[in-house]
Every structure is written in structure tokens, then in C-alpha cells.
Amino acid sequence: MATALDSYVNRTISVVTADGRIIVGTLKGFDQTINLVLDESHERVYSSTQGVEQVVLGLYLIRGDNVAVIGEIDDDTDNSVDFSNVKAEPLSQVVH
């Protein structure tokens, strides 16, 4: 997994955590246990009744045992989305 993350360094990624949070930011580093360091990050809080709230987090560390999914974001596509009009059910936490 760690070698797959090498191509994501200094790129914008989205991380879905085991507790259902969605964190977006620039991947600055990681280690062998997939602890992630994100810069210029924010959490996207989804709601079925309101638009997406984007909570600024800044420099942020995510523990590897809390990472469920990591994916690269296309900056042009992401910037063209009007998140104030996006409505969706929040994700539930992962149950083991």
C-alpha cells in the first residue's frame, strides 16, 4: 500500500475514515502504517437537507488505522462543483 501512495504525494486526495468522515487535502507524507499528513485540508460534512459544509482543518494527521479509502481528486473537476447545492446522506462508521 505504501508504494501505491508515493504517486499521491503533493497531490490533492480524499480520505474516507472508518468513522465516516471525508477529509480532503494535499498529501504531504505518510509512513509504513499509512499514517497520513495532509496540508490545506478540510472536512466535507454532508447533509440530506443542506449543502456540503466544508470545515477548514489546515495541517492534519490521520492515523493509519482510521483510514478506510484513499483516492486522488481531479482539481479542475472538484473546483467546478457547487458544493452548496450537493445534498447526500452522511456515511456511517465502519462496524467490525
C-alpha atoms as a PDB file:
ATOM      1  CA  MET A   1       0.000   0.000   0.000  1.00  0.00           C
ATOM      2  CA  ALA A   2       2.758   2.459   0.890  1.00  0.00           C
ATOM      3  CA  THR A   3       4.375   2.281  -2.535  1.00  0.00           C
ATOM      4  CA  ALA A   4       0.987   2.980  -4.133  1.00  0.00           C
ATOM      5  CA  LEU A   5       0.771   6.208  -2.113  1.00  0.00           C
ATOM      6  CA  ASP A   6       4.074   7.537  -3.498  1.00  0.00           C
ATOM      7  CA  SER A   7       2.290   8.799  -6.624  1.00  0.00           C
ATOM      8  CA  TYR A   8      -0.200  10.766  -4.477  1.00  0.00           C
ATOM      9  CA  VAL A   9       2.411  12.869  -2.622  1.00  0.00           C
ATOM     10  CA  ASN A  10       1.869  16.618  -3.228  1.00  0.00           C
ATOM     11  CA  ARG A  11      -1.482  15.902  -4.899  1.00  0.00           C
ATOM     12  CA  THR A  12      -4.995  16.542  -3.652  1.00  0.00           C
ATOM     13  CA  ILE A  13      -6.572  13.438  -2.158  1.00  0.00           C
ATOM     14  CA  SER A  14      -9.802  12.481  -0.444  1.00  0.00           C
ATOM     15  CA  VAL A  15      -9.720  10.189   2.580  1.00  0.00           C
ATOM     16  CA  VAL A  16     -12.762   8.364   3.903  1.00  0.00           C
ATOM     17  CA  THR A  17     -12.164   7.422   7.516  1.00  0.00           C
ATOM     18  CA  ALA A  18     -13.524   4.447   9.441  1.00  0.00           C
ATOM     19  CA  ASP A  19     -15.805   6.780  11.395  1.00  0.00           C
ATOM     20  CA  GLY A  20     -17.403   8.078   8.160  1.00  0.00           C
ATOM     21  CA  ARG A  21     -15.625  11.421   7.850  1.00  0.00           C
ATOM     22  CA  ILE A  22     -14.410  12.719   4.489  1.00  0.00           C
ATOM     23  CA  ILE A  23     -11.168  14.698   4.631  1.00  0.00           C
ATOM     24  CA  VAL A  24      -9.731  16.437   1.550  1.00  0.00           C
ATOM     25  CA  GLY A  25      -6.227  17.882   1.393  1.00  0.00           C
ATOM     26  CA  THR A  26      -2.759  17.761  -0.139  1.00  0.00           C
ATOM     27  CA  LEU A  27      -0.861  14.616   0.828  1.00  0.00           C
ATOM     28  CA  LYS A  28       2.491  15.710   2.253  1.00  0.00           C
ATOM     29  CA  GLY A  29       3.692  12.441   3.705  1.00  0.00           C
ATOM     30  CA  PHE A  30       2.895   9.012   5.097  1.00  0.00           C
ATOM     31  CA  ASP A  31       4.601   6.123   6.861  1.00  0.00           C
ATOM     32  CA  GLN A  32       4.518   2.325   6.763  1.00  0.00           C
ATOM     33  CA  THR A  33       1.338   2.181   8.876  1.00  0.00           C
ATOM     34  CA  ILE A  34      -0.448   4.592   6.485  1.00  0.00           C
ATOM     35  CA  ASN A  35      -0.472   7.486   8.948  1.00  0.00           C
ATOM     36  CA  LEU A  36      -1.164  10.431   6.628  1.00  0.00           C
ATOM     37  CA  VAL A  37      -0.069  14.065   6.793  1.00  0.00           C
ATOM     38  CA  LEU A  38      -2.405  16.386   4.865  1.00  0.00           C
ATOM     39  CA  ASP A  39      -1.858  20.100   4.270  1.00  0.00           C
ATOM     40  CA  GLU A  40      -4.509  22.693   3.423  1.00  0.00           C
ATOM     41  CA  SER A  41      -7.116  20.137   4.442  1.00  0.00           C
ATOM     42  CA  HIS A  42     -10.812  20.421   5.132  1.00  0.00           C
ATOM     43  CA  GLU A  43     -13.592  18.065   6.160  1.00  0.00           C
ATOM     44  CA  ARG A  44     -16.652  17.795   3.946  1.00  0.00           C
ATOM     45  CA  VAL A  45     -19.738  17.333   6.097  1.00  0.00           C
ATOM     46  CA  TYR A  46     -22.666  16.035   4.054  1.00  0.00           C
ATOM     47  CA  SER A  47     -26.336  16.519   4.906  1.00  0.00           C
ATOM     48  CA  SER A  48     -29.537  15.348   3.262  1.00  0.00           C
ATOM     49  CA  THR A  49     -31.205  18.732   3.895  1.00  0.00           C
ATOM     50  CA  GLN A  50     -28.415  21.283   3.357  1.00  0.00           C
ATOM     51  CA  GLY A  51     -25.410  21.747   1.109  1.00  0.00           C
ATOM     52  CA  VAL A  52     -21.987  20.386   1.998  1.00  0.00           C
ATOM     53  CA  GLU A  53     -20.289  22.190   4.883  1.00  0.00           C
ATOM     54  CA  GLN A  54     -16.518  22.481   4.448  1.00  0.00           C
ATOM     55  CA  VAL A  55     -14.742  22.722   7.806  1.00  0.00           C
ATOM     56  CA  VAL A  56     -11.173  24.042   7.485  1.00  0.00           C
ATOM     57  CA  LEU A  57      -8.629  21.834   9.281  1.00  0.00           C
ATOM     58  CA  GLY A  58      -5.282  23.099   7.925  1.00  0.00           C
ATOM     59  CA  LEU A  59      -2.340  20.761   8.579  1.00  0.00           C
ATOM     60  CA  TYR A  60      -3.901  17.462   9.628  1.00  0.00           C
ATOM     61  CA  LEU A  61      -2.714  13.998  10.659  1.00  0.00           C
ATOM     62  CA  ILE A  62      -4.882  10.922  10.095  1.00  0.00           C
ATOM     63  CA  ARG A  63      -3.940   7.695  11.893  1.00  0.00           C
ATOM     64  CA  GLY A  64      -3.482   4.776   9.552  1.00  0.00           C
ATOM     65  CA  ASP A  65      -5.850   2.519  11.470  1.00  0.00           C
ATOM     66  CA  ASN A  66      -8.642   5.040  10.809  1.00  0.00           C
ATOM     67  CA  VAL A  67      -8.149   5.167   7.006  1.00  0.00           C
ATOM     68  CA  ALA A  68     -10.805   3.283   5.012  1.00  0.00           C
ATOM     69  CA  VAL A  69     -10.356   4.656   1.449  1.00  0.00           C
ATOM     70  CA  ILE A  70      -7.846   6.995  -0.232  1.00  0.00           C
ATOM     71  CA  GLY A  71      -8.355   8.476  -3.679  1.00  0.00           C
ATOM     72  CA  GLU A  72      -6.883  11.238  -5.818  1.00  0.00           C
ATOM     73  CA  ILE A  73      -9.084  14.226  -6.671  1.00  0.00           C
ATOM     74  CA  ASP A  74      -9.050  15.982 -10.033  1.00  0.00           C
ATOM     75  CA  ASP A  75      -8.631  19.642  -9.002  1.00  0.00           C
ATOM     76  CA  ASP A  76     -10.406  21.050 -12.073  1.00  0.00           C
ATOM     77  CA  THR A  77     -13.470  18.855 -11.595  1.00  0.00           C
ATOM     78  CA  ASP A  78     -13.523  19.445  -7.835  1.00  0.00           C
ATOM     79  CA  ASN A  79     -13.333  23.234  -8.278  1.00  0.00           C
ATOM     80  CA  SER A  80     -16.235  23.185 -10.751  1.00  0.00           C
ATOM     81  CA  VAL A  81     -18.640  21.540  -8.280  1.00  0.00           C
ATOM     82  CA  ASP A  82     -21.003  23.843  -6.357  1.00  0.00           C
ATOM     83  CA  PHE A  83     -20.973  22.042  -3.004  1.00  0.00           C
ATOM     84  CA  SER A  84     -23.631  24.377  -1.560  1.00  0.00           C
ATOM     85  CA  ASN A  85     -26.174  22.536  -3.751  1.00  0.00           C
ATOM     86  CA  VAL A  86     -24.915  18.992  -3.113  1.00  0.00           C
ATOM     87  CA  LYS A  87     -27.083  17.015  -0.706  1.00  0.00           C
ATOM     88  CA  ALA A  88     -26.298  13.481   0.460  1.00  0.00           C
ATOM     89  CA  GLU A  89     -26.721  11.223   3.458  1.00  0.00           C
ATOM     90  CA  PRO A  90     -23.670  11.231   5.733  1.00  0.00           C
ATOM     91  CA  LEU A  91     -21.642   7.996   5.799  1.00  0.00           C
ATOM     92  CA  SER A  92     -21.999   5.670   8.747  1.00  0.00           C
ATOM     93  CA  GLN A  93     -18.986   4.433  10.662  1.00  0.00           C
ATOM     94  CA  VAL A  94     -17.399   1.116   9.753  1.00  0.00           C
ATOM     95  CA  VAL A  95     -18.580  -1.644  12.075  1.00  0.00           C
ATOM     96  CA  HIS A  96     -16.208  -4.592  12.567  1.00  0.00           C
END
